[in-house]
PDB file of all heavy atoms in Angstrom:
ATOM      1  N   PRO A   1       0.816  -1.222   0.000  1.00  0.00           N
ATOM      2  CA  PRO A   1       0.000   0.000   0.000  1.00  0.00           C
ATOM      3  C   PRO A   1       0.849   1.271   0.000  1.00  0.00           C
ATOM      4  O   PRO A   1       0.480   2.260  -0.622  1.00  0.00           O
ATOM      5  CB  PRO A   1      -0.817  -0.125   1.294  1.00  0.00           C
ATOM      6  CG  PRO A   1      -0.804  -1.563   1.635  1.00  0.00           C
ATOM      7  CD  PRO A   1       0.494  -2.104   1.137  1.00  0.00           C
ATOM      8  N   VAL A   2       1.978   1.230   0.696  1.00  0.00           N
ATOM      9  CA  VAL A   2       2.861   2.401   0.728  1.00  0.00           C
ATOM     10  C   VAL A   2       3.394   2.696  -0.663  1.00  0.00           C
ATOM     11  O   VAL A   2       3.410   3.854  -1.121  1.00  0.00           O
ATOM     12  CB  VAL A   2       4.014   2.166   1.720  1.00  0.00           C
ATOM     13  CG1 VAL A   2       4.996   3.337   1.685  1.00  0.00           C
ATOM     14  CG2 VAL A   2       3.481   1.961   3.132  1.00  0.00           C
ATOM     15  N   ALA A   3       3.834   1.655  -1.375  1.00  0.00           N
ATOM     16  CA  ALA A   3       4.344   1.840  -2.729  1.00  0.00           C
ATOM     17  C   ALA A   3       3.238   2.293  -3.677  1.00  0.00           C
ATOM     18  O   ALA A   3       3.474   3.113  -4.570  1.00  0.00           O
ATOM     19  CB  ALA A   3       4.977   0.552  -3.231  1.00  0.00           C
ATOM     20  N   ALA A   4       2.021   1.771  -3.489  1.00  0.00           N
ATOM     21  CA  ALA A   4       0.905   2.170  -4.351  1.00  0.00           C
ATOM     22  C   ALA A   4       0.607   3.659  -4.186  1.00  0.00           C
ATOM     23  O   ALA A   4       0.342   4.365  -5.174  1.00  0.00           O
ATOM     24  CB  ALA A   4      -0.326   1.336  -4.022  1.00  0.00           C
ATOM     25  N   ARG A   5       0.639   4.161  -2.951  1.00  0.00           N
ATOM     26  CA  ARG A   5       0.395   5.588  -2.732  1.00  0.00           C
ATOM     27  C   ARG A   5       1.510   6.439  -3.340  1.00  0.00           C
ATOM     28  O   ARG A   5       1.256   7.536  -3.869  1.00  0.00           O
ATOM     29  CB  ARG A   5       0.257   5.867  -1.234  1.00  0.00           C
ATOM     30  CG  ARG A   5      -1.047   5.343  -0.643  1.00  0.00           C
ATOM     31  CD  ARG A   5      -1.288   5.911   0.743  1.00  0.00           C
ATOM     32  NE  ARG A   5      -0.306   5.432   1.709  1.00  0.00           N
ATOM     33  CZ  ARG A   5      -0.456   4.339   2.452  1.00  0.00           C
ATOM     34  NH1 ARG A   5      -1.555   3.601   2.313  1.00  0.00           N
ATOM     35  NH2 ARG A   5       0.471   3.986   3.321  1.00  0.00           N
ATOM     36  N   ALA A   6       2.745   5.929  -3.276  1.00  0.00           N
ATOM     37  CA  ALA A   6       3.862   6.662  -3.870  1.00  0.00           C
ATOM     38  C   ALA A   6       3.722   6.723  -5.388  1.00  0.00           C
ATOM     39  O   ALA A   6       4.023   7.755  -6.008  1.00  0.00           O
ATOM     40  CB  ALA A   6       5.185   6.008  -3.478  1.00  0.00           C
ATOM     41  N   LEU A   7       3.248   5.653  -5.993  1.00  0.00           N
ATOM     42  CA  LEU A   7       3.029   5.661  -7.448  1.00  0.00           C
ATOM     43  C   LEU A   7       1.910   6.630  -7.821  1.00  0.00           C
ATOM     44  O   LEU A   7       2.011   7.368  -8.801  1.00  0.00           O
ATOM     45  CB  LEU A   7       2.686   4.249  -7.929  1.00  0.00           C
ATOM     46  CG  LEU A   7       3.832   3.234  -7.978  1.00  0.00           C
ATOM     47  CD1 LEU A   7       3.296   1.847  -8.315  1.00  0.00           C
ATOM     48  CD2 LEU A   7       4.882   3.647  -9.012  1.00  0.00           C
ATOM     49  N   GLU A   8       0.845   6.609  -7.025  1.00  0.00           N
ATOM     50  CA  GLU A   8      -0.296   7.483  -7.333  1.00  0.00           C
ATOM     51  C   GLU A   8       0.076   8.957  -7.226  1.00  0.00           C
ATOM     52  O   GLU A   8      -0.540   9.818  -7.882  1.00  0.00           O
ATOM     53  CB  GLU A   8      -1.460   7.158  -6.403  1.00  0.00           C
ATOM     54  CG  GLU A   8      -2.781   7.759  -6.834  1.00  0.00           C
ATOM     55  CD  GLU A   8      -3.940   7.202  -6.040  1.00  0.00           C
ATOM     56  OE1 GLU A   8      -3.725   6.803  -4.876  1.00  0.00           O
ATOM     57  OE2 GLU A   8      -5.062   7.148  -6.582  1.00  0.00           O
ATOM     58  N   ALA A   9       1.085   9.281  -6.415  1.00  0.00           N
ATOM     59  CA  ALA A   9       1.497  10.678  -6.244  1.00  0.00           C
ATOM     60  C   ALA A   9       2.341  11.188  -7.409  1.00  0.00           C
ATOM     61  O   ALA A   9       2.596  12.400  -7.497  1.00  0.00           O
ATOM     62  CB  ALA A   9       2.284  10.823  -4.944  1.00  0.00           C
ATOM     63  N   ARG A  10       2.740  10.315  -8.313  1.00  0.00           N
ATOM     64  CA  ARG A  10       3.573  10.738  -9.436  1.00  0.00           C
ATOM     65  C   ARG A  10       2.732  11.497 -10.472  1.00  0.00           C
ATOM     66  O   ARG A  10       1.551  11.171 -10.698  1.00  0.00           O
ATOM     67  CB  ARG A  10       4.232   9.525 -10.095  1.00  0.00           C
ATOM     68  CG  ARG A  10       5.297   8.860  -9.234  1.00  0.00           C
ATOM     69  CD  ARG A  10       5.840   7.617  -9.929  1.00  0.00           C
ATOM     70  NE  ARG A  10       6.392   7.929 -11.238  1.00  0.00           N
ATOM     71  CZ  ARG A  10       7.629   8.345 -11.475  1.00  0.00           C
ATOM     72  NH1 ARG A  10       8.463   8.509 -10.437  1.00  0.00           N
ATOM     73  NH2 ARG A  10       8.045   8.603 -12.692  1.00  0.00           N
ATOM     74  N   SER A  11       3.371  12.438 -11.119  1.00  0.00           N
ATOM     75  CA  SER A  11       2.670  13.252 -12.118  1.00  0.00           C
ATOM     76  C   SER A  11       2.336  12.466 -13.380  1.00  0.00           C
ATOM     77  O   SER A  11       1.390  12.816 -14.104  1.00  0.00           O
ATOM     78  CB  SER A  11       3.513  14.467 -12.489  1.00  0.00           C
ATOM     79  OG  SER A  11       4.776  14.062 -13.021  1.00  0.00           O
ATOM     80  N   ASP A  12       3.086  11.383 -13.658  1.00  0.00           N
ATOM     81  CA  ASP A  12       2.821  10.598 -14.864  1.00  0.00           C
ATOM     82  C   ASP A  12       1.840   9.458 -14.620  1.00  0.00           C
ATOM     83  O   ASP A  12       1.620   8.624 -15.501  1.00  0.00           O
ATOM     84  CB  ASP A  12       4.125  10.059 -15.461  1.00  0.00           C
ATOM     85  CG  ASP A  12       4.922   9.231 -14.461  1.00  0.00           C
ATOM     86  OD1 ASP A  12       4.546   9.215 -13.271  1.00  0.00           O
ATOM     87  OD2 ASP A  12       5.921   8.597 -14.868  1.00  0.00           O
ATOM     88  N   VAL A  13       1.247   9.407 -13.419  1.00  0.00           N
ATOM     89  CA  VAL A  13       0.268   8.366 -13.078  1.00  0.00           C
ATOM     90  C   VAL A  13      -1.073   9.027 -12.805  1.00  0.00           C
ATOM     91  O   VAL A  13      -1.178   9.956 -11.999  1.00  0.00           O
ATOM     92  CB  VAL A  13       0.733   7.556 -11.848  1.00  0.00           C
ATOM     93  CG1 VAL A  13      -0.370   6.604 -11.391  1.00  0.00           C
ATOM     94  CG2 VAL A  13       1.998   6.784 -12.174  1.00  0.00           C
ATOM     95  N   ALA A  14      -2.114   8.548 -13.491  1.00  0.00           N
ATOM     96  CA  ALA A  14      -3.453   9.108 -13.313  1.00  0.00           C
ATOM     97  C   ALA A  14      -4.156   8.506 -12.102  1.00  0.00           C
ATOM     98  O   ALA A  14      -4.820   9.212 -11.338  1.00  0.00           O
ATOM     99  CB  ALA A  14      -4.281   8.891 -14.577  1.00  0.00           C
ATOM    100  N   SER A  15      -4.049   7.165 -11.910  1.00  0.00           N
ATOM    101  CA  SER A  15      -4.732   6.518 -10.786  1.00  0.00           C
ATOM    102  C   SER A  15      -4.089   5.173 -10.491  1.00  0.00           C
ATOM    103  O   SER A  15      -3.458   4.560 -11.362  1.00  0.00           O
ATOM    104  CB  SER A  15      -6.223   6.329 -11.089  1.00  0.00           C
ATOM    105  OG  SER A  15      -6.395   5.410 -12.163  1.00  0.00           O
ATOM    106  N   VAL A  16      -4.270   4.726  -9.262  1.00  0.00           N
ATOM    107  CA  VAL A  16      -3.825   3.401  -8.826  1.00  0.00           C
ATOM    108  C   VAL A  16      -4.978   2.774  -8.053  1.00  0.00           C
ATOM    109  O   VAL A  16      -5.399   3.303  -7.019  1.00  0.00           O
ATOM    110  CB  VAL A  16      -2.563   3.477  -7.943  1.00  0.00           C
ATOM    111  CG1 VAL A  16      -2.171   2.081  -7.472  1.00  0.00           C
ATOM    112  CG2 VAL A  16      -1.414   4.131  -8.690  1.00  0.00           C
ATOM    113  N   GLU A  17      -5.486   1.654  -8.534  1.00  0.00           N
ATOM    114  CA  GLU A  17      -6.624   0.982  -7.910  1.00  0.00           C
ATOM    115  C   GLU A  17      -6.342  -0.504  -7.769  1.00  0.00           C
ATOM    116  O   GLU A  17      -5.564  -1.061  -8.557  1.00  0.00           O
ATOM    117  CB  GLU A  17      -7.893   1.176  -8.761  1.00  0.00           C
ATOM    118  CG  GLU A  17      -8.308   2.633  -8.933  1.00  0.00           C
ATOM    119  CD  GLU A  17      -9.490   2.762  -9.886  1.00  0.00           C
ATOM    120  OE1 GLU A  17      -9.761   1.776 -10.599  1.00  0.00           O
ATOM    121  OE2 GLU A  17     -10.116   3.830  -9.908  1.00  0.00           O
ATOM    122  N   PRO A  18      -6.957  -1.172  -6.791  1.00  0.00           N
ATOM    123  CA  PRO A  18      -6.780  -2.627  -6.687  1.00  0.00           C
ATOM    124  C   PRO A  18      -7.237  -3.317  -7.971  1.00  0.00           C
ATOM    125  O   PRO A  18      -8.258  -2.956  -8.556  1.00  0.00           O
ATOM    126  CB  PRO A  18      -7.670  -3.006  -5.508  1.00  0.00           C
ATOM    127  CG  PRO A  18      -7.800  -1.750  -4.706  1.00  0.00           C
ATOM    128  CD  PRO A  18      -7.788  -0.629  -5.698  1.00  0.00           C
ATOM    129  N   SER A  19      -6.467  -4.294  -8.411  1.00  0.00           N
ATOM    130  CA  SER A  19      -6.829  -5.083  -9.582  1.00  0.00           C
ATOM    131  C   SER A  19      -7.623  -6.292  -9.110  1.00  0.00           C
ATOM    132  O   SER A  19      -7.075  -7.215  -8.495  1.00  0.00           O
ATOM    133  CB  SER A  19      -5.567  -5.525 -10.329  1.00  0.00           C
ATOM    134  OG  SER A  19      -5.886  -6.313 -11.449  1.00  0.00           O
ATOM    135  N   ILE A  20      -8.925  -6.285  -9.368  1.00  0.00           N
ATOM    136  CA  ILE A  20      -9.832  -7.297  -8.815  1.00  0.00           C
ATOM    137  C   ILE A  20     -10.296  -8.244  -9.921  1.00  0.00           C
ATOM    138  O   ILE A  20     -10.754  -7.804 -10.980  1.00  0.00           O
ATOM    139  CB  ILE A  20     -11.051  -6.622  -8.157  1.00  0.00           C
ATOM    140  CG1 ILE A  20     -10.581  -5.653  -7.061  1.00  0.00           C
ATOM    141  CG2 ILE A  20     -11.993  -7.664  -7.576  1.00  0.00           C
ATOM    142  CD1 ILE A  20     -11.702  -4.806  -6.486  1.00  0.00           C
ATOM    143  N   LEU A  21     -10.172  -9.540  -9.651  1.00  0.00           N
ATOM    144  CA  LEU A  21     -10.652 -10.544 -10.597  1.00  0.00           C
ATOM    145  C   LEU A  21     -12.174 -10.523 -10.643  1.00  0.00           C
ATOM    146  O   LEU A  21     -12.835 -10.265  -9.634  1.00  0.00           O
ATOM    147  CB  LEU A  21     -10.181 -11.941 -10.180  1.00  0.00           C
ATOM    148  CG  LEU A  21      -8.675 -12.197 -10.150  1.00  0.00           C
ATOM    149  CD1 LEU A  21      -8.399 -13.568  -9.539  1.00  0.00           C
ATOM    150  CD2 LEU A  21      -8.072 -12.098 -11.538  1.00  0.00           C
ATOM    151  N   THR A  22     -12.729 -10.803 -11.807  1.00  0.00           N
ATOM    152  CA  THR A  22     -14.182 -10.928 -11.889  1.00  0.00           C
ATOM    153  C   THR A  22     -14.629 -12.165 -11.127  1.00  0.00           C
ATOM    154  O   THR A  22     -13.896 -13.164 -11.029  1.00  0.00           O
ATOM    155  CB  THR A  22     -14.638 -11.030 -13.347  1.00  0.00           C
ATOM    156  OG1 THR A  22     -14.022 -12.174 -13.959  1.00  0.00           O
ATOM    157  CG2 THR A  22     -14.253  -9.776 -14.121  1.00  0.00           C
ATOM    158  N   ALA A  23     -15.813 -12.116 -10.563  1.00  0.00           N
ATOM    159  CA  ALA A  23     -16.292 -13.186  -9.679  1.00  0.00           C
ATOM    160  C   ALA A  23     -16.434 -14.520 -10.399  1.00  0.00           C
ATOM    161  O   ALA A  23     -16.385 -15.578  -9.764  1.00  0.00           O
ATOM    162  CB  ALA A  23     -17.621 -12.776  -9.054  1.00  0.00           C
ATOM    163  N   GLU A  24     -16.587 -14.502 -11.716  1.00  0.00           N
ATOM    164  CA  GLU A  24     -16.813 -15.736 -12.464  1.00  0.00           C
ATOM    165  C   GLU A  24     -15.541 -16.546 -12.673  1.00  0.00           C
ATOM    166  O   GLU A  24     -15.604 -17.754 -12.937  1.00  0.00           O
ATOM    167  CB  GLU A  24     -17.431 -15.427 -13.834  1.00  0.00           C
ATOM    168  CG  GLU A  24     -18.837 -14.832 -13.772  1.00  0.00           C
ATOM    169  CD  GLU A  24     -18.826 -13.365 -13.355  1.00  0.00           C
ATOM    170  OE1 GLU A  24     -17.757 -12.714 -13.505  1.00  0.00           O
ATOM    171  OE2 GLU A  24     -19.858 -12.880 -12.849  1.00  0.00           O
ATOM    172  N   LEU A  25     -14.384 -15.913 -12.562  1.00  0.00           N
ATOM    173  CA  LEU A  25     -13.120 -16.621 -12.800  1.00  0.00           C
ATOM    174  C   LEU A  25     -12.861 -17.631 -11.686  1.00  0.00           C
ATOM    175  O   LEU A  25     -13.140 -17.378 -10.515  1.00  0.00           O
ATOM    176  CB  LEU A  25     -11.959 -15.637 -12.883  1.00  0.00           C
ATOM    177  CG  LEU A  25     -11.901 -14.760 -14.141  1.00  0.00           C
ATOM    178  CD1 LEU A  25     -10.716 -13.804 -14.059  1.00  0.00           C
ATOM    179  CD2 LEU A  25     -11.790 -15.626 -15.398  1.00  0.00           C
ATOM    180  N   ARG A  26     -12.306 -18.783 -12.064  1.00  0.00           N
ATOM    181  CA  ARG A  26     -12.008 -19.824 -11.093  1.00  0.00           C
ATOM    182  C   ARG A  26     -10.631 -20.412 -11.375  1.00  0.00           C
ATOM    183  O   ARG A  26     -10.241 -20.590 -12.522  1.00  0.00           O
ATOM    184  CB  ARG A  26     -13.065 -20.958 -11.149  1.00  0.00           C
ATOM    185  CG  ARG A  26     -14.423 -20.557 -10.578  1.00  0.00           C
ATOM    186  CD  ARG A  26     -14.340 -20.416  -9.066  1.00  0.00           C
ATOM    187  NE  ARG A  26     -15.609 -20.078  -8.451  1.00  0.00           N
ATOM    188  CZ  ARG A  26     -16.050 -18.850  -8.254  1.00  0.00           C
ATOM    189  NH1 ARG A  26     -15.305 -17.824  -8.632  1.00  0.00           N
ATOM    190  NH2 ARG A  26     -17.205 -18.622  -7.672  1.00  0.00           N
ATOM    191  N   ASP A  27      -9.895 -20.705 -10.301  1.00  0.00           N
ATOM    192  CA  ASP A  27      -8.607 -21.369 -10.429  1.00  0.00           C
ATOM    193  C   ASP A  27      -8.830 -22.787 -10.958  1.00  0.00           C
ATOM    194  O   ASP A  27      -9.698 -23.508 -10.460  1.00  0.00           O
ATOM    195  CB  ASP A  27      -7.914 -21.410  -9.065  1.00  0.00           C
ATOM    196  CG  ASP A  27      -6.691 -22.282  -9.068  1.00  0.00           C
ATOM    197  OD1 ASP A  27      -5.630 -21.805  -9.526  1.00  0.00           O
ATOM    198  OD2 ASP A  27      -6.796 -23.445  -8.641  1.00  0.00           O
ATOM    199  N   PRO A  28      -8.058 -23.233 -11.965  1.00  0.00           N
ATOM    200  CA  PRO A  28      -8.309 -24.552 -12.551  1.00  0.00           C
ATOM    201  C   PRO A  28      -8.019 -25.716 -11.618  1.00  0.00           C
ATOM    202  O   PRO A  28      -8.613 -26.782 -11.760  1.00  0.00           O
ATOM    203  CB  PRO A  28      -7.373 -24.579 -13.771  1.00  0.00           C
ATOM    204  CG  PRO A  28      -6.306 -23.573 -13.473  1.00  0.00           C
ATOM    205  CD  PRO A  28      -6.974 -22.512 -12.663  1.00  0.00           C
ATOM    206  N   THR A  29      -7.108 -25.542 -10.650  1.00  0.00           N
ATOM    207  CA  THR A  29      -6.753 -26.645  -9.755  1.00  0.00           C
ATOM    208  C   THR A  29      -7.758 -26.807  -8.624  1.00  0.00           C
ATOM    209  O   THR A  29      -8.214 -27.915  -8.335  1.00  0.00           O
ATOM    210  CB  THR A  29      -5.351 -26.431  -9.159  1.00  0.00           C
ATOM    211  OG1 THR A  29      -4.393 -26.327 -10.217  1.00  0.00           O
ATOM    212  CG2 THR A  29      -4.969 -27.583  -8.242  1.00  0.00           C
ATOM    213  N   PHE A  30      -8.142 -25.707  -7.988  1.00  0.00           N
ATOM    214  CA  PHE A  30      -9.003 -25.781  -6.800  1.00  0.00           C
ATOM    215  C   PHE A  30     -10.413 -25.246  -7.045  1.00  0.00           C
ATOM    216  O   PHE A  30     -11.272 -25.370  -6.167  1.00  0.00           O
ATOM    217  CB  PHE A  30      -8.362 -24.996  -5.650  1.00  0.00           C
ATOM    218  CG  PHE A  30      -7.021 -25.517  -5.231  1.00  0.00           C
ATOM    219  CD1 PHE A  30      -5.854 -24.933  -5.694  1.00  0.00           C
ATOM    220  CD2 PHE A  30      -6.925 -26.607  -4.379  1.00  0.00           C
ATOM    221  CE1 PHE A  30      -4.611 -25.406  -5.305  1.00  0.00           C
ATOM    222  CE2 PHE A  30      -5.683 -27.088  -3.984  1.00  0.00           C
ATOM    223  CZ  PHE A  30      -4.524 -26.495  -4.456  1.00  0.00           C
ATOM    224  N   GLY A  31     -10.648 -24.612  -8.199  1.00  0.00           N
ATOM    225  CA  GLY A  31     -11.972 -24.064  -8.468  1.00  0.00           C
ATOM    226  C   GLY A  31     -12.326 -22.893  -7.588  1.00  0.00           C
ATOM    227  O   GLY A  31     -13.503 -22.686  -7.265  1.00  0.00           O
ATOM    228  N   ALA A  32     -11.325 -22.102  -7.180  1.00  0.00           N
ATOM    229  CA  ALA A  32     -11.551 -20.993  -6.266  1.00  0.00           C
ATOM    230  C   ALA A  32     -11.198 -19.672  -6.929  1.00  0.00           C
ATOM    231  O   ALA A  32     -10.494 -19.624  -7.937  1.00  0.00           O
ATOM    232  CB  ALA A  32     -10.716 -21.174  -5.001  1.00  0.00           C
ATOM    233  N   ASN A  33     -11.706 -18.598  -6.344  1.00  0.00           N
ATOM    234  CA  ASN A  33     -11.367 -17.248  -6.762  1.00  0.00           C
ATOM    235  C   ASN A  33     -10.841 -16.517  -5.530  1.00  0.00           C
ATOM    236  O   ASN A  33     -11.599 -16.247  -4.601  1.00  0.00           O
ATOM    237  CB  ASN A  33     -12.586 -16.529  -7.335  1.00  0.00           C
ATOM    238  CG  ASN A  33     -12.256 -15.158  -7.900  1.00  0.00           C
ATOM    239  OD1 ASN A  33     -11.484 -14.409  -7.332  1.00  0.00           O
ATOM    240  ND2 ASN A  33     -12.874 -14.821  -9.028  1.00  0.00           N
ATOM    241  N   PRO A  34      -9.538 -16.185  -5.474  1.00  0.00           N
ATOM    242  CA  PRO A  34      -8.969 -15.623  -4.244  1.00  0.00           C
ATOM    243  C   PRO A  34      -9.471 -14.230  -3.892  1.00  0.00           C
ATOM    244  O   PRO A  34      -9.331 -13.797  -2.744  1.00  0.00           O
ATOM    245  CB  PRO A  34      -7.464 -15.596  -4.528  1.00  0.00           C
ATOM    246  CG  PRO A  34      -7.376 -15.532  -6.027  1.00  0.00           C
ATOM    247  CD  PRO A  34      -8.535 -16.331  -6.534  1.00  0.00           C
ATOM    248  N   ASP A  35     -10.061 -13.512  -4.856  1.00  0.00           N
ATOM    249  CA  ASP A  35     -10.570 -12.159  -4.582  1.00  0.00           C
ATOM    250  C   ASP A  35     -12.008 -12.163  -4.092  1.00  0.00           C
ATOM    251  O   ASP A  35     -12.529 -11.115  -3.691  1.00  0.00           O
ATOM    252  CB  ASP A  35     -10.474 -11.288  -5.840  1.00  0.00           C
ATOM    253  CG  ASP A  35      -9.042 -10.969  -6.209  1.00  0.00           C
ATOM    254  OD1 ASP A  35      -8.141 -11.288  -5.416  1.00  0.00           O
ATOM    255  OD2 ASP A  35      -8.810 -10.410  -7.297  1.00  0.00           O
ATOM    256  N   HIS A  36     -12.647 -13.333  -4.124  1.00  0.00           N
ATOM    257  CA  HIS A  36     -14.063 -13.436  -3.726  1.00  0.00           C
ATOM    258  C   HIS A  36     -14.256 -14.742  -2.946  1.00  0.00           C
ATOM    259  O   HIS A  36     -14.371 -15.819  -3.529  1.00  0.00           O
ATOM    260  CB  HIS A  36     -14.980 -13.419  -4.949  1.00  0.00           C
ATOM    261  CG  HIS A  36     -14.767 -12.241  -5.838  1.00  0.00           C
ATOM    262  ND1 HIS A  36     -15.368 -11.021  -5.629  1.00  0.00           N
ATOM    263  CD2 HIS A  36     -14.007 -12.096  -6.960  1.00  0.00           C
ATOM    264  CE1 HIS A  36     -15.001 -10.166  -6.574  1.00  0.00           C
ATOM    265  NE2 HIS A  36     -14.175 -10.793  -7.394  1.00  0.00           N
ATOM    266  N   VAL A  37     -14.276 -14.648  -1.628  1.00  0.00           N
ATOM    267  CA  VAL A  37     -14.534 -15.802  -0.762  1.00  0.00           C
ATOM    268  C   VAL A  37     -15.795 -15.503   0.029  1.00  0.00           C
ATOM    269  O   VAL A  37     -15.846 -14.543   0.804  1.00  0.00           O
ATOM    270  CB  VAL A  37     -13.353 -16.072   0.184  1.00  0.00           C
ATOM    271  CG1 VAL A  37     -13.673 -17.234   1.118  1.00  0.00           C
ATOM    272  CG2 VAL A  37     -12.075 -16.359  -0.604  1.00  0.00           C
ATOM    273  N   ALA A  38     -16.820 -16.304  -0.185  1.00  0.00           N
ATOM    274  CA  ALA A  38     -18.086 -16.091   0.503  1.00  0.00           C
ATOM    275  C   ALA A  38     -17.905 -16.251   2.012  1.00  0.00           C
ATOM    276  O   ALA A  38     -17.025 -16.998   2.465  1.00  0.00           O
ATOM    277  CB  ALA A  38     -19.131 -17.079  -0.009  1.00  0.00           C
TER     278      ALA A  38
END
């Protein structure tokens, strides 16, 4: 998070946001989505 805020403060960067997987995606080995756990 500290590095993300430092990047966002740069003049050549417009925004920094978490990169979130869509809920439909599933890991092929375990069938899970690490960004969405009920």
